[in-house]
């Protein structure tokens, strides 16, 4: 938040709405995540004896990673912050079904993403309580004290923003950040170059040997 903002800026620049919306979104999405993924895990494990649950389990594992990364980017966009890059430690290119399942089940990113989504529900409960707790103080400062010229230096909008950012960053510590390291062991090194020719003393075209 800019240091030179006044109470009219705080009321009209949209930051309060974004902070408020993020707190409600934590609660709504946290409830959806825990309900959906618990149900999907139970269904996939329950159907594993008829083989239908095995590909469903693979889908759930990949979805956990994708949803966790999407959630981080979503709240970073709402709060106008830089979205951290989530490390991806799985390279499934060319792998068969069994290998892919083993990769995702053995990946720390998968289980950390799962812990991240599970934490979103209690974070959402805390966020909704904080939103309603700050509301009376925010209204008192912005709608009564500020128009009367009583300067509290935007204490409650700053508090609201700090809570919103904290609710976003706290579960994010579970997600591994950084670029994925490329697995060079699975790549073939192909050395290619353009052939070079020259004309010898006898007028014959000779292929130049590469040193």
N, C-alpha and C. Protein backbone atom coordinates (compact mmCIF):
# COMPACT_ATOMS: atom_id res chain seq x y z
N UNK A 1 0.84 -1.19 0.00
CA UNK A 1 0.00 0.00 0.00
C UNK A 1 0.88 1.25 0.00
N UNK A 2 0.53 2.22 -0.80
CA UNK A 2 1.33 3.43 -0.91
C UNK A 2 1.27 4.22 0.39
N UNK A 3 2.42 4.84 0.73
CA UNK A 3 2.50 5.57 1.99
C UNK A 3 1.70 6.88 1.94
N UNK A 4 1.51 7.46 0.74
CA UNK A 4 0.86 8.76 0.64
C UNK A 4 -0.64 8.66 0.37
N UNK A 5 -1.24 7.52 0.59
CA UNK A 5 -2.68 7.38 0.39
C UNK A 5 -3.44 8.10 1.49
N UNK A 6 -4.56 8.71 1.14
CA UNK A 6 -5.43 9.30 2.15
C UNK A 6 -6.72 8.48 2.23
N UNK A 7 -7.64 8.91 3.07
CA UNK A 7 -8.83 8.10 3.30
C UNK A 7 -9.73 8.03 2.07
N UNK A 8 -9.73 9.09 1.23
CA UNK A 8 -10.52 9.03 0.00
C UNK A 8 -9.93 8.05 -1.00
N UNK A 9 -8.58 7.98 -1.06
CA UNK A 9 -7.93 6.98 -1.91
C UNK A 9 -8.31 5.57 -1.46
N UNK A 10 -8.28 5.38 -0.14
CA UNK A 10 -8.58 4.06 0.41
C UNK A 10 -10.02 3.63 0.08
N UNK A 11 -10.92 4.60 0.04
CA UNK A 11 -12.32 4.27 -0.25
C UNK A 11 -12.56 3.99 -1.74
N UNK A 12 -11.70 4.54 -2.60
CA UNK A 12 -12.02 4.49 -4.03
C UNK A 12 -11.03 3.73 -4.90
N UNK A 13 -9.87 3.35 -4.37
CA UNK A 13 -8.89 2.69 -5.24
C UNK A 13 -9.09 1.19 -5.38
N UNK A 14 -10.07 0.63 -4.68
CA UNK A 14 -10.40 -0.78 -4.83
C UNK A 14 -9.60 -1.73 -3.95
N UNK A 15 -8.60 -1.24 -3.22
CA UNK A 15 -7.78 -2.13 -2.42
C UNK A 15 -8.58 -2.78 -1.30
N UNK A 16 -9.45 -2.01 -0.65
CA UNK A 16 -10.27 -2.57 0.44
C UNK A 16 -11.16 -3.69 -0.09
N UNK A 17 -11.76 -3.47 -1.27
CA UNK A 17 -12.63 -4.49 -1.84
C UNK A 17 -11.84 -5.75 -2.18
N UNK A 18 -10.64 -5.57 -2.77
CA UNK A 18 -9.82 -6.74 -3.10
C UNK A 18 -9.42 -7.51 -1.85
N UNK A 19 -9.01 -6.78 -0.81
CA UNK A 19 -8.63 -7.45 0.43
C UNK A 19 -9.83 -8.20 1.03
N UNK A 20 -10.97 -7.52 1.04
CA UNK A 20 -12.18 -8.13 1.60
C UNK A 20 -12.59 -9.36 0.79
N UNK A 21 -12.57 -9.23 -0.52
CA UNK A 21 -12.96 -10.33 -1.37
C UNK A 21 -12.02 -11.53 -1.18
N UNK A 22 -10.73 -11.27 -1.01
CA UNK A 22 -9.78 -12.37 -0.82
C UNK A 22 -10.08 -13.16 0.44
N UNK A 23 -10.50 -12.46 1.51
CA UNK A 23 -10.81 -13.17 2.76
C UNK A 23 -12.03 -14.07 2.60
N UNK A 24 -13.06 -13.58 1.91
CA UNK A 24 -14.23 -14.41 1.66
C UNK A 24 -13.90 -15.56 0.70
N UNK A 25 -13.02 -15.28 -0.28
CA UNK A 25 -12.64 -16.32 -1.24
C UNK A 25 -11.87 -17.44 -0.57
N UNK A 26 -11.04 -17.11 0.43
CA UNK A 26 -10.34 -18.16 1.18
C UNK A 26 -11.34 -19.14 1.79
N UNK A 27 -12.38 -18.60 2.39
CA UNK A 27 -13.38 -19.46 3.04
C UNK A 27 -14.14 -20.29 2.02
N UNK A 28 -14.60 -19.64 0.93
CA UNK A 28 -15.40 -20.35 -0.07
C UNK A 28 -14.58 -21.43 -0.76
N UNK A 29 -13.39 -21.08 -1.23
CA UNK A 29 -12.57 -22.05 -1.95
C UNK A 29 -12.04 -23.13 -1.03
N UNK A 30 -11.68 -22.76 0.21
CA UNK A 30 -11.21 -23.76 1.16
C UNK A 30 -12.26 -24.82 1.42
N UNK A 31 -13.51 -24.41 1.51
CA UNK A 31 -14.61 -25.37 1.72
C UNK A 31 -14.77 -26.27 0.50
N UNK A 32 -14.66 -25.70 -0.69
CA UNK A 32 -14.79 -26.49 -1.92
C UNK A 32 -13.64 -27.48 -2.05
N UNK A 33 -12.42 -27.02 -1.79
CA UNK A 33 -11.25 -27.89 -1.93
C UNK A 33 -11.35 -29.13 -1.04
N UNK A 34 -11.61 -28.90 0.24
CA UNK A 34 -11.58 -30.03 1.17
C UNK A 34 -12.72 -31.00 0.88
N UNK A 35 -13.89 -30.47 0.48
CA UNK A 35 -15.01 -31.36 0.16
C UNK A 35 -14.74 -32.15 -1.11
N UNK A 36 -14.26 -31.48 -2.14
CA UNK A 36 -14.06 -32.13 -3.44
C UNK A 36 -12.97 -33.18 -3.36
N UNK A 37 -11.81 -32.83 -2.81
CA UNK A 37 -10.69 -33.75 -2.87
C UNK A 37 -10.84 -34.92 -1.89
N UNK A 38 -11.46 -34.70 -0.74
CA UNK A 38 -11.72 -35.84 0.15
C UNK A 38 -12.67 -36.82 -0.54
N UNK A 39 -13.71 -36.29 -1.18
CA UNK A 39 -14.66 -37.15 -1.89
C UNK A 39 -13.97 -37.90 -3.02
N UNK A 40 -13.15 -37.21 -3.80
CA UNK A 40 -12.49 -37.84 -4.94
C UNK A 40 -11.50 -38.91 -4.50
N UNK A 41 -10.76 -38.65 -3.42
CA UNK A 41 -9.82 -39.66 -2.92
C UNK A 41 -10.57 -40.89 -2.43
N UNK A 42 -11.65 -40.71 -1.73
CA UNK A 42 -12.42 -41.85 -1.23
C UNK A 42 -13.01 -42.66 -2.39
N UNK A 43 -13.51 -41.96 -3.40
CA UNK A 43 -14.09 -42.66 -4.56
C UNK A 43 -13.02 -43.42 -5.31
N UNK A 44 -11.87 -42.78 -5.56
CA UNK A 44 -10.81 -43.43 -6.33
C UNK A 44 -10.25 -44.64 -5.61
N UNK A 45 -10.07 -44.55 -4.29
CA UNK A 45 -9.58 -45.70 -3.53
C UNK A 45 -10.64 -46.79 -3.46
N UNK A 46 -11.90 -46.38 -3.32
CA UNK A 46 -12.97 -47.38 -3.27
C UNK A 46 -13.16 -48.12 -4.58
N UNK A 47 -12.87 -47.48 -5.70
CA UNK A 47 -13.04 -48.11 -7.01
C UNK A 47 -11.75 -48.74 -7.55
N UNK A 48 -10.69 -48.70 -6.75
CA UNK A 48 -9.41 -49.20 -7.24
C UNK A 48 -9.43 -50.70 -7.52
N UNK A 49 -10.32 -51.45 -6.83
CA UNK A 49 -10.36 -52.90 -7.04
C UNK A 49 -10.96 -53.27 -8.38
N UNK A 50 -11.64 -52.34 -9.05
CA UNK A 50 -12.18 -52.62 -10.38
C UNK A 50 -11.41 -51.83 -11.44
N UNK A 51 -10.24 -51.32 -11.06
CA UNK A 51 -9.31 -50.62 -11.95
C UNK A 51 -9.77 -49.22 -12.36
N UNK A 52 -11.05 -48.92 -12.19
CA UNK A 52 -11.52 -47.57 -12.55
C UNK A 52 -10.89 -46.52 -11.63
N UNK A 53 -10.64 -46.90 -10.38
CA UNK A 53 -10.12 -45.94 -9.42
C UNK A 53 -8.67 -45.58 -9.64
N UNK A 54 -7.90 -46.43 -10.36
CA UNK A 54 -6.47 -46.16 -10.55
C UNK A 54 -6.26 -44.93 -11.44
N UNK A 55 -6.85 -44.88 -12.65
CA UNK A 55 -6.71 -43.64 -13.43
C UNK A 55 -7.37 -42.44 -12.76
N UNK A 56 -8.43 -42.68 -11.99
CA UNK A 56 -9.05 -41.59 -11.26
C UNK A 56 -8.12 -41.04 -10.19
N UNK A 57 -7.36 -41.94 -9.55
CA UNK A 57 -6.39 -41.51 -8.54
C UNK A 57 -5.29 -40.68 -9.18
N UNK A 58 -4.84 -41.09 -10.36
CA UNK A 58 -3.83 -40.31 -11.08
C UNK A 58 -4.36 -38.92 -11.42
N UNK A 59 -5.62 -38.86 -11.83
CA UNK A 59 -6.24 -37.57 -12.14
C UNK A 59 -6.30 -36.69 -10.89
N UNK A 60 -6.64 -37.28 -9.75
CA UNK A 60 -6.74 -36.50 -8.51
C UNK A 60 -5.37 -35.97 -8.10
N UNK A 61 -4.34 -36.80 -8.23
CA UNK A 61 -2.99 -36.37 -7.84
C UNK A 61 -2.51 -35.21 -8.70
N UNK A 62 -2.74 -35.30 -10.00
CA UNK A 62 -2.33 -34.20 -10.88
C UNK A 62 -3.19 -32.96 -10.64
N UNK A 63 -4.47 -33.17 -10.31
CA UNK A 63 -5.37 -32.04 -10.06
C UNK A 63 -4.97 -31.29 -8.79
N UNK A 64 -4.53 -32.01 -7.78
CA UNK A 64 -4.09 -31.38 -6.53
C UNK A 64 -2.97 -30.38 -6.82
N UNK A 65 -2.00 -30.79 -7.62
CA UNK A 65 -0.88 -29.92 -7.94
C UNK A 65 -1.34 -28.70 -8.75
N UNK A 66 -2.19 -28.95 -9.74
CA UNK A 66 -2.66 -27.86 -10.60
C UNK A 66 -3.51 -26.85 -9.84
N UNK A 67 -4.39 -27.35 -8.97
CA UNK A 67 -5.28 -26.46 -8.22
C UNK A 67 -4.49 -25.64 -7.21
N UNK A 68 -3.50 -26.24 -6.56
CA UNK A 68 -2.69 -25.49 -5.59
C UNK A 68 -1.94 -24.35 -6.28
N UNK A 69 -1.35 -24.64 -7.44
CA UNK A 69 -0.64 -23.60 -8.19
C UNK A 69 -1.61 -22.52 -8.67
N UNK A 70 -2.79 -22.94 -9.14
CA UNK A 70 -3.79 -21.99 -9.61
C UNK A 70 -4.26 -21.09 -8.46
N UNK A 71 -4.45 -21.67 -7.28
CA UNK A 71 -4.90 -20.90 -6.12
C UNK A 71 -3.89 -19.82 -5.75
N UNK A 72 -2.61 -20.17 -5.79
CA UNK A 72 -1.58 -19.18 -5.49
C UNK A 72 -1.61 -18.03 -6.48
N UNK A 73 -1.74 -18.35 -7.77
CA UNK A 73 -1.78 -17.30 -8.79
C UNK A 73 -3.05 -16.45 -8.66
N UNK A 74 -4.16 -17.09 -8.32
CA UNK A 74 -5.43 -16.37 -8.20
C UNK A 74 -5.37 -15.31 -7.11
N UNK A 75 -4.91 -15.70 -5.91
CA UNK A 75 -4.89 -14.75 -4.80
C UNK A 75 -3.79 -13.71 -4.99
N UNK A 76 -2.71 -14.06 -5.66
CA UNK A 76 -1.69 -13.06 -5.97
C UNK A 76 -2.27 -12.00 -6.91
N UNK A 77 -3.10 -12.42 -7.87
CA UNK A 77 -3.73 -11.47 -8.78
C UNK A 77 -4.75 -10.59 -8.06
N UNK A 78 -5.53 -11.18 -7.15
CA UNK A 78 -6.52 -10.40 -6.40
C UNK A 78 -5.84 -9.33 -5.55
N UNK A 79 -4.73 -9.70 -4.92
CA UNK A 79 -4.04 -8.78 -4.02
C UNK A 79 -2.99 -7.94 -4.73
N UNK A 80 -2.89 -8.10 -6.03
CA UNK A 80 -1.94 -7.33 -6.85
C UNK A 80 -0.50 -7.56 -6.38
N UNK A 81 -0.15 -8.83 -6.25
CA UNK A 81 1.19 -9.22 -5.84
C UNK A 81 1.78 -10.15 -6.88
N UNK A 82 3.09 -10.30 -6.84
CA UNK A 82 3.75 -11.19 -7.79
C UNK A 82 3.49 -12.64 -7.38
N UNK A 83 3.05 -13.43 -8.33
CA UNK A 83 2.77 -14.84 -8.05
C UNK A 83 4.07 -15.63 -8.05
N UNK A 84 4.36 -16.37 -6.98
CA UNK A 84 5.58 -17.18 -6.96
C UNK A 84 5.47 -18.34 -7.93
N UNK A 85 6.60 -18.75 -8.46
CA UNK A 85 6.62 -19.89 -9.36
C UNK A 85 6.74 -21.17 -8.55
N UNK A 86 5.84 -22.11 -8.82
CA UNK A 86 5.82 -23.37 -8.08
C UNK A 86 6.73 -24.39 -8.78
N UNK A 87 7.64 -24.98 -8.01
CA UNK A 87 8.57 -25.95 -8.56
C UNK A 87 7.82 -27.21 -8.98
N UNK A 88 8.18 -27.73 -10.13
CA UNK A 88 7.58 -28.96 -10.64
C UNK A 88 8.68 -30.00 -10.74
N UNK A 89 8.60 -31.03 -9.90
CA UNK A 89 9.67 -32.04 -9.85
C UNK A 89 9.31 -33.30 -10.61
N UNK A 90 8.29 -33.24 -11.47
CA UNK A 90 7.87 -34.40 -12.25
C UNK A 90 7.94 -34.07 -13.74
N UNK A 91 8.58 -34.95 -14.50
CA UNK A 91 8.63 -34.81 -15.94
C UNK A 91 8.06 -36.10 -16.55
N UNK A 92 6.74 -36.15 -16.81
CA UNK A 92 6.11 -37.40 -17.25
C UNK A 92 6.24 -37.70 -18.74
N UNK A 93 6.98 -36.90 -19.48
CA UNK A 93 7.07 -37.11 -20.92
C UNK A 93 7.65 -38.49 -21.24
N UNK A 94 6.93 -39.24 -22.02
CA UNK A 94 7.38 -40.56 -22.44
C UNK A 94 7.15 -41.66 -21.43
N UNK A 95 6.59 -41.33 -20.25
CA UNK A 95 6.37 -42.34 -19.22
C UNK A 95 5.04 -43.04 -19.44
N UNK A 96 4.98 -44.32 -19.07
CA UNK A 96 3.72 -45.05 -19.19
C UNK A 96 2.85 -44.77 -17.96
N UNK A 97 1.69 -45.43 -17.90
CA UNK A 97 0.72 -45.14 -16.85
C UNK A 97 1.29 -45.43 -15.46
N UNK A 98 1.90 -46.60 -15.31
CA UNK A 98 2.45 -46.98 -14.01
C UNK A 98 3.57 -46.04 -13.57
N UNK A 99 4.42 -45.65 -14.51
CA UNK A 99 5.51 -44.75 -14.18
C UNK A 99 4.98 -43.37 -13.77
N UNK A 100 3.97 -42.90 -14.48
CA UNK A 100 3.39 -41.60 -14.12
C UNK A 100 2.78 -41.63 -12.72
N UNK A 101 2.06 -42.70 -12.43
CA UNK A 101 1.44 -42.81 -11.10
C UNK A 101 2.51 -42.83 -10.02
N UNK A 102 3.59 -43.57 -10.25
CA UNK A 102 4.68 -43.61 -9.29
C UNK A 102 5.36 -42.26 -9.12
N UNK A 103 5.52 -41.53 -10.24
CA UNK A 103 6.15 -40.20 -10.17
C UNK A 103 5.34 -39.24 -9.31
N UNK A 104 4.03 -39.21 -9.55
CA UNK A 104 3.19 -38.26 -8.82
C UNK A 104 3.01 -38.66 -7.37
N UNK A 105 2.93 -39.96 -7.10
CA UNK A 105 2.79 -40.40 -5.71
C UNK A 105 4.09 -40.20 -4.93
N UNK A 106 5.22 -40.28 -5.61
CA UNK A 106 6.50 -40.10 -4.94
C UNK A 106 7.01 -38.68 -4.94
N UNK A 107 6.23 -37.75 -5.45
CA UNK A 107 6.65 -36.35 -5.56
C UNK A 107 6.33 -35.59 -4.28
N UNK A 108 7.32 -34.86 -3.76
CA UNK A 108 7.08 -34.01 -2.59
C UNK A 108 6.12 -32.88 -2.94
N UNK A 109 6.17 -32.40 -4.17
CA UNK A 109 5.27 -31.31 -4.57
C UNK A 109 3.81 -31.75 -4.49
N UNK A 110 3.53 -33.01 -4.84
CA UNK A 110 2.16 -33.52 -4.75
C UNK A 110 1.64 -33.47 -3.32
N UNK A 111 2.43 -33.98 -2.39
CA UNK A 111 1.96 -34.06 -1.01
C UNK A 111 1.98 -32.69 -0.33
N UNK A 112 2.90 -31.84 -0.71
CA UNK A 112 2.90 -30.48 -0.17
C UNK A 112 1.73 -29.68 -0.72
N UNK A 113 1.38 -29.93 -1.98
CA UNK A 113 0.20 -29.28 -2.54
C UNK A 113 -1.07 -29.75 -1.84
N UNK A 114 -1.09 -31.03 -1.49
CA UNK A 114 -2.24 -31.58 -0.77
C UNK A 114 -2.36 -30.94 0.61
N UNK A 115 -1.24 -30.79 1.29
CA UNK A 115 -1.26 -30.13 2.60
C UNK A 115 -1.68 -28.68 2.47
N UNK A 116 -1.25 -28.04 1.39
CA UNK A 116 -1.64 -26.64 1.14
C UNK A 116 -3.15 -26.51 1.01
N UNK A 117 -3.77 -27.38 0.21
CA UNK A 117 -5.22 -27.31 0.01
C UNK A 117 -5.98 -27.68 1.29
N UNK A 118 -5.44 -28.62 2.06
CA UNK A 118 -6.09 -28.97 3.33
C UNK A 118 -6.04 -27.81 4.31
N UNK A 119 -4.94 -27.05 4.29
CA UNK A 119 -4.80 -25.91 5.19
C UNK A 119 -5.71 -24.75 4.80
N UNK A 120 -6.16 -24.73 3.55
CA UNK A 120 -7.00 -23.62 3.10
C UNK A 120 -8.32 -23.55 3.87
N UNK A 121 -8.84 -24.68 4.35
CA UNK A 121 -10.11 -24.65 5.06
C UNK A 121 -9.99 -23.94 6.41
N UNK A 122 -9.04 -24.32 7.30
CA UNK A 122 -8.92 -23.54 8.54
C UNK A 122 -8.48 -22.10 8.29
N UNK A 123 -7.68 -21.88 7.25
CA UNK A 123 -7.31 -20.51 6.89
C UNK A 123 -8.56 -19.73 6.50
N UNK A 124 -9.45 -20.38 5.76
CA UNK A 124 -10.69 -19.72 5.36
C UNK A 124 -11.57 -19.37 6.54
N UNK A 125 -11.64 -20.27 7.53
CA UNK A 125 -12.42 -19.96 8.74
C UNK A 125 -11.84 -18.76 9.47
N UNK A 126 -10.52 -18.73 9.61
CA UNK A 126 -9.87 -17.60 10.27
C UNK A 126 -10.08 -16.32 9.47
N UNK A 127 -10.06 -16.44 8.13
CA UNK A 127 -10.21 -15.26 7.28
C UNK A 127 -11.60 -14.65 7.41
N UNK A 128 -12.63 -15.50 7.44
CA UNK A 128 -13.99 -14.97 7.52
C UNK A 128 -14.25 -14.33 8.89
N UNK A 129 -13.65 -14.91 9.95
CA UNK A 129 -13.78 -14.31 11.28
C UNK A 129 -13.07 -12.96 11.31
N UNK A 130 -11.88 -12.89 10.71
CA UNK A 130 -11.13 -11.63 10.67
C UNK A 130 -11.87 -10.57 9.88
N UNK A 131 -12.50 -10.97 8.78
CA UNK A 131 -13.22 -10.02 7.94
C UNK A 131 -14.34 -9.34 8.72
N UNK A 132 -15.12 -10.12 9.44
CA UNK A 132 -16.24 -9.55 10.20
C UNK A 132 -15.76 -8.83 11.46
N UNK A 133 -14.62 -9.23 12.00
CA UNK A 133 -14.11 -8.56 13.20
C UNK A 133 -13.56 -7.17 12.87
N UNK A 134 -12.93 -7.03 11.71
CA UNK A 134 -12.34 -5.74 11.32
C UNK A 134 -13.40 -4.77 10.81
N UNK A 135 -14.53 -5.30 10.32
CA UNK A 135 -15.54 -4.46 9.68
C UNK A 135 -16.01 -3.28 10.54
N UNK A 136 -16.38 -3.44 11.83
CA UNK A 136 -16.84 -2.28 12.61
C UNK A 136 -15.78 -1.20 12.75
N UNK A 137 -14.52 -1.62 12.97
CA UNK A 137 -13.43 -0.64 13.12
C UNK A 137 -13.13 0.07 11.80
N UNK A 138 -13.23 -0.68 10.71
CA UNK A 138 -13.00 -0.08 9.40
C UNK A 138 -14.08 0.95 9.09
N UNK A 139 -15.32 0.61 9.35
CA UNK A 139 -16.41 1.54 9.10
C UNK A 139 -16.31 2.77 10.00
N UNK A 140 -15.93 2.58 11.24
CA UNK A 140 -15.79 3.70 12.18
C UNK A 140 -14.72 4.68 11.72
N UNK A 141 -13.58 4.13 11.28
CA UNK A 141 -12.48 5.02 10.85
C UNK A 141 -12.78 5.69 9.52
N UNK A 142 -13.23 4.90 8.52
CA UNK A 142 -13.35 5.42 7.16
C UNK A 142 -14.61 6.26 6.96
N UNK A 143 -15.68 5.98 7.68
CA UNK A 143 -16.95 6.68 7.44
C UNK A 143 -17.27 7.75 8.48
N UNK A 144 -16.56 7.72 9.60
CA UNK A 144 -16.86 8.70 10.65
C UNK A 144 -15.64 9.57 10.99
N UNK A 145 -14.56 8.92 11.43
CA UNK A 145 -13.40 9.69 11.87
C UNK A 145 -12.71 10.42 10.73
N UNK A 146 -12.49 9.71 9.61
CA UNK A 146 -11.76 10.32 8.49
C UNK A 146 -12.46 11.56 7.93
N UNK A 147 -13.78 11.54 7.67
CA UNK A 147 -14.45 12.76 7.18
C UNK A 147 -14.40 13.91 8.19
N UNK A 148 -14.25 13.60 9.47
CA UNK A 148 -14.15 14.64 10.49
C UNK A 148 -12.73 15.19 10.62
N UNK A 149 -11.80 14.63 9.85
CA UNK A 149 -10.42 15.10 9.89
C UNK A 149 -9.57 14.45 10.94
N UNK A 150 -10.07 13.41 11.59
CA UNK A 150 -9.29 12.67 12.59
C UNK A 150 -8.46 11.62 11.87
N UNK A 151 -7.16 11.83 11.84
CA UNK A 151 -6.27 11.00 11.04
C UNK A 151 -5.71 9.85 11.87
N UNK A 152 -6.11 8.65 11.54
CA UNK A 152 -5.55 7.45 12.16
C UNK A 152 -4.55 6.76 11.24
N UNK A 153 -4.15 7.47 10.14
CA UNK A 153 -3.17 6.95 9.19
C UNK A 153 -3.60 5.61 8.58
N UNK A 154 -4.89 5.53 8.30
CA UNK A 154 -5.45 4.34 7.64
C UNK A 154 -5.10 3.06 8.40
N UNK A 155 -5.26 3.10 9.71
CA UNK A 155 -4.88 1.95 10.54
C UNK A 155 -5.66 0.70 10.17
N UNK A 156 -6.99 0.82 10.04
CA UNK A 156 -7.78 -0.38 9.75
C UNK A 156 -7.63 -0.86 8.30
N UNK A 157 -7.55 0.03 7.28
CA UNK A 157 -7.26 -0.50 5.94
C UNK A 157 -5.91 -1.19 5.86
N UNK A 158 -4.91 -0.66 6.58
CA UNK A 158 -3.60 -1.32 6.61
C UNK A 158 -3.68 -2.67 7.31
N UNK A 159 -4.45 -2.72 8.40
CA UNK A 159 -4.62 -3.99 9.10
C UNK A 159 -5.33 -5.00 8.22
N UNK A 160 -6.38 -4.56 7.53
CA UNK A 160 -7.11 -5.45 6.63
C UNK A 160 -6.20 -5.99 5.53
N UNK A 161 -5.37 -5.10 4.97
CA UNK A 161 -4.46 -5.53 3.90
C UNK A 161 -3.41 -6.51 4.44
N UNK A 162 -2.89 -6.23 5.64
CA UNK A 162 -1.89 -7.13 6.23
C UNK A 162 -2.48 -8.51 6.49
N UNK A 163 -3.72 -8.55 6.99
CA UNK A 163 -4.37 -9.83 7.24
C UNK A 163 -4.60 -10.58 5.93
N UNK A 164 -5.05 -9.87 4.88
CA UNK A 164 -5.31 -10.51 3.59
C UNK A 164 -4.03 -11.08 2.99
N UNK A 165 -2.96 -10.31 3.04
CA UNK A 165 -1.67 -10.78 2.51
C UNK A 165 -1.15 -11.94 3.34
N UNK A 166 -1.28 -11.84 4.66
CA UNK A 166 -0.82 -12.93 5.52
C UNK A 166 -1.57 -14.23 5.28
N UNK A 167 -2.88 -14.14 5.08
CA UNK A 167 -3.67 -15.33 4.79
C UNK A 167 -3.27 -15.96 3.45
N UNK A 168 -2.79 -15.13 2.55
CA UNK A 168 -2.31 -15.64 1.25
C UNK A 168 -0.93 -16.27 1.36
N UNK A 169 -0.03 -15.63 2.10
CA UNK A 169 1.36 -16.07 2.15
C UNK A 169 1.58 -17.25 3.09
N UNK A 170 0.79 -17.33 4.17
CA UNK A 170 1.04 -18.37 5.17
C UNK A 170 0.94 -19.78 4.61
N UNK A 171 -0.16 -20.16 3.94
CA UNK A 171 -0.18 -21.53 3.39
C UNK A 171 0.80 -21.70 2.24
N UNK A 172 1.20 -20.60 1.61
CA UNK A 172 2.12 -20.69 0.47
C UNK A 172 3.50 -21.20 0.84
N UNK A 173 3.84 -21.15 2.13
CA UNK A 173 5.16 -21.65 2.53
C UNK A 173 5.27 -23.16 2.34
N UNK A 174 4.13 -23.82 2.20
CA UNK A 174 4.15 -25.27 2.00
C UNK A 174 4.53 -25.65 0.57
N UNK A 175 4.35 -24.74 -0.36
CA UNK A 175 4.61 -25.04 -1.76
C UNK A 175 6.07 -24.76 -2.10
N UNK A 176 6.73 -25.71 -2.78
CA UNK A 176 8.14 -25.48 -3.15
C UNK A 176 8.23 -24.47 -4.27
N UNK A 177 9.03 -23.45 -4.08
CA UNK A 177 9.20 -22.43 -5.10
C UNK A 177 10.45 -22.68 -5.92
N UNK A 178 10.44 -22.19 -7.13
CA UNK A 178 11.61 -22.29 -8.00
C UNK A 178 11.27 -22.98 -9.29
N UNK A 179 12.20 -22.85 -10.23
CA UNK A 179 12.01 -23.45 -11.54
C UNK A 179 12.33 -24.93 -11.48
N UNK A 180 11.64 -25.68 -12.32
CA UNK A 180 11.86 -27.12 -12.38
C UNK A 180 13.21 -27.40 -13.02
N UNK A 181 13.95 -28.26 -12.40
CA UNK A 181 15.21 -28.67 -12.98
C UNK A 181 14.97 -29.68 -14.08
N UNK A 182 15.54 -29.43 -15.20
CA UNK A 182 15.32 -30.31 -16.33
C UNK A 182 16.11 -31.58 -16.16
N UNK A 183 15.49 -32.70 -16.40
CA UNK A 183 16.13 -34.00 -16.26
C UNK A 183 16.90 -34.29 -17.53
N UNK A 184 18.19 -34.01 -17.49
CA UNK A 184 19.00 -34.19 -18.69
C UNK A 184 19.28 -35.65 -18.98
N UNK A 185 19.09 -36.53 -17.98
CA UNK A 185 19.35 -37.95 -18.19
C UNK A 185 18.37 -38.56 -19.18
N UNK A 186 17.23 -37.91 -19.40
CA UNK A 186 16.21 -38.46 -20.28
C UNK A 186 16.30 -37.85 -21.68
N UNK A 187 17.27 -36.98 -21.87
CA UNK A 187 17.42 -36.33 -23.16
C UNK A 187 18.61 -36.90 -23.90
N UNK A 188 18.49 -36.98 -25.16
CA UNK A 188 19.59 -37.44 -26.00
C UNK A 188 20.34 -36.24 -26.52
N UNK A 189 21.66 -36.31 -26.47
CA UNK A 189 22.48 -35.25 -26.98
C UNK A 189 22.80 -35.54 -28.43
N UNK A 190 22.37 -34.68 -29.28
CA UNK A 190 22.60 -34.85 -30.71
C UNK A 190 23.51 -33.73 -31.17
N UNK A 191 24.64 -34.11 -31.67
CA UNK A 191 25.61 -33.13 -32.13
C UNK A 191 25.43 -32.96 -33.63
N UNK A 192 25.06 -31.79 -34.02
CA UNK A 192 24.83 -31.55 -35.44
C UNK A 192 25.55 -30.29 -35.85
N UNK A 193 25.98 -30.25 -37.09
CA UNK A 193 26.67 -29.10 -37.65
C UNK A 193 26.50 -29.13 -39.15
N UNK A 194 26.67 -27.97 -39.75
CA UNK A 194 26.56 -27.86 -41.19
C UNK A 194 27.85 -28.35 -41.84
N UNK A 195 27.74 -29.23 -42.85
CA UNK A 195 28.96 -29.70 -43.53
C UNK A 195 29.64 -28.56 -44.28
N UNK A 196 30.97 -28.59 -44.31
CA UNK A 196 31.75 -27.58 -45.02
C UNK A 196 32.56 -28.25 -46.12
N UNK A 197 32.59 -27.61 -47.26
CA UNK A 197 33.32 -28.13 -48.40
C UNK A 197 34.35 -27.09 -48.85
N UNK A 198 35.40 -27.59 -49.51
CA UNK A 198 36.38 -26.67 -50.08
C UNK A 198 36.90 -27.28 -51.39
N UNK A 199 37.51 -26.43 -52.17
CA UNK A 199 38.04 -26.83 -53.49
C UNK A 199 39.54 -27.02 -53.37
N UNK A 200 40.02 -28.28 -53.66
CA UNK A 200 41.46 -28.53 -53.52
C UNK A 200 42.21 -28.06 -54.76
N UNK A 201 43.53 -28.31 -54.77
CA UNK A 201 44.38 -27.83 -55.86
C UNK A 201 44.06 -28.49 -57.19
N UNK A 202 43.48 -29.70 -57.16
CA UNK A 202 43.14 -30.41 -58.39
C UNK A 202 41.75 -30.06 -58.90
N UNK A 203 41.07 -29.15 -58.21
CA UNK A 203 39.74 -28.75 -58.65
C UNK A 203 38.63 -29.65 -58.16
N UNK A 204 38.92 -30.54 -57.21
CA UNK A 204 37.91 -31.45 -56.66
C UNK A 204 37.29 -30.84 -55.39
N UNK A 205 35.98 -31.12 -55.22
CA UNK A 205 35.28 -30.64 -54.03
C UNK A 205 35.49 -31.65 -52.90
N UNK A 206 36.05 -31.21 -51.79
CA UNK A 206 36.40 -32.08 -50.67
C UNK A 206 35.61 -31.64 -49.44
N UNK A 207 35.11 -32.66 -48.71
CA UNK A 207 34.41 -32.38 -47.44
C UNK A 207 35.45 -32.09 -46.38
N UNK A 208 35.32 -30.93 -45.74
CA UNK A 208 36.26 -30.56 -44.70
C UNK A 208 35.96 -31.36 -43.44
N UNK A 209 37.00 -31.99 -42.89
CA UNK A 209 36.84 -32.77 -41.67
C UNK A 209 36.80 -31.83 -40.47
N UNK A 210 35.86 -32.15 -39.55
CA UNK A 210 35.73 -31.31 -38.36
C UNK A 210 36.74 -31.73 -37.31
N UNK A 211 37.39 -30.77 -36.70
CA UNK A 211 38.42 -31.07 -35.68
C UNK A 211 37.77 -31.62 -34.42
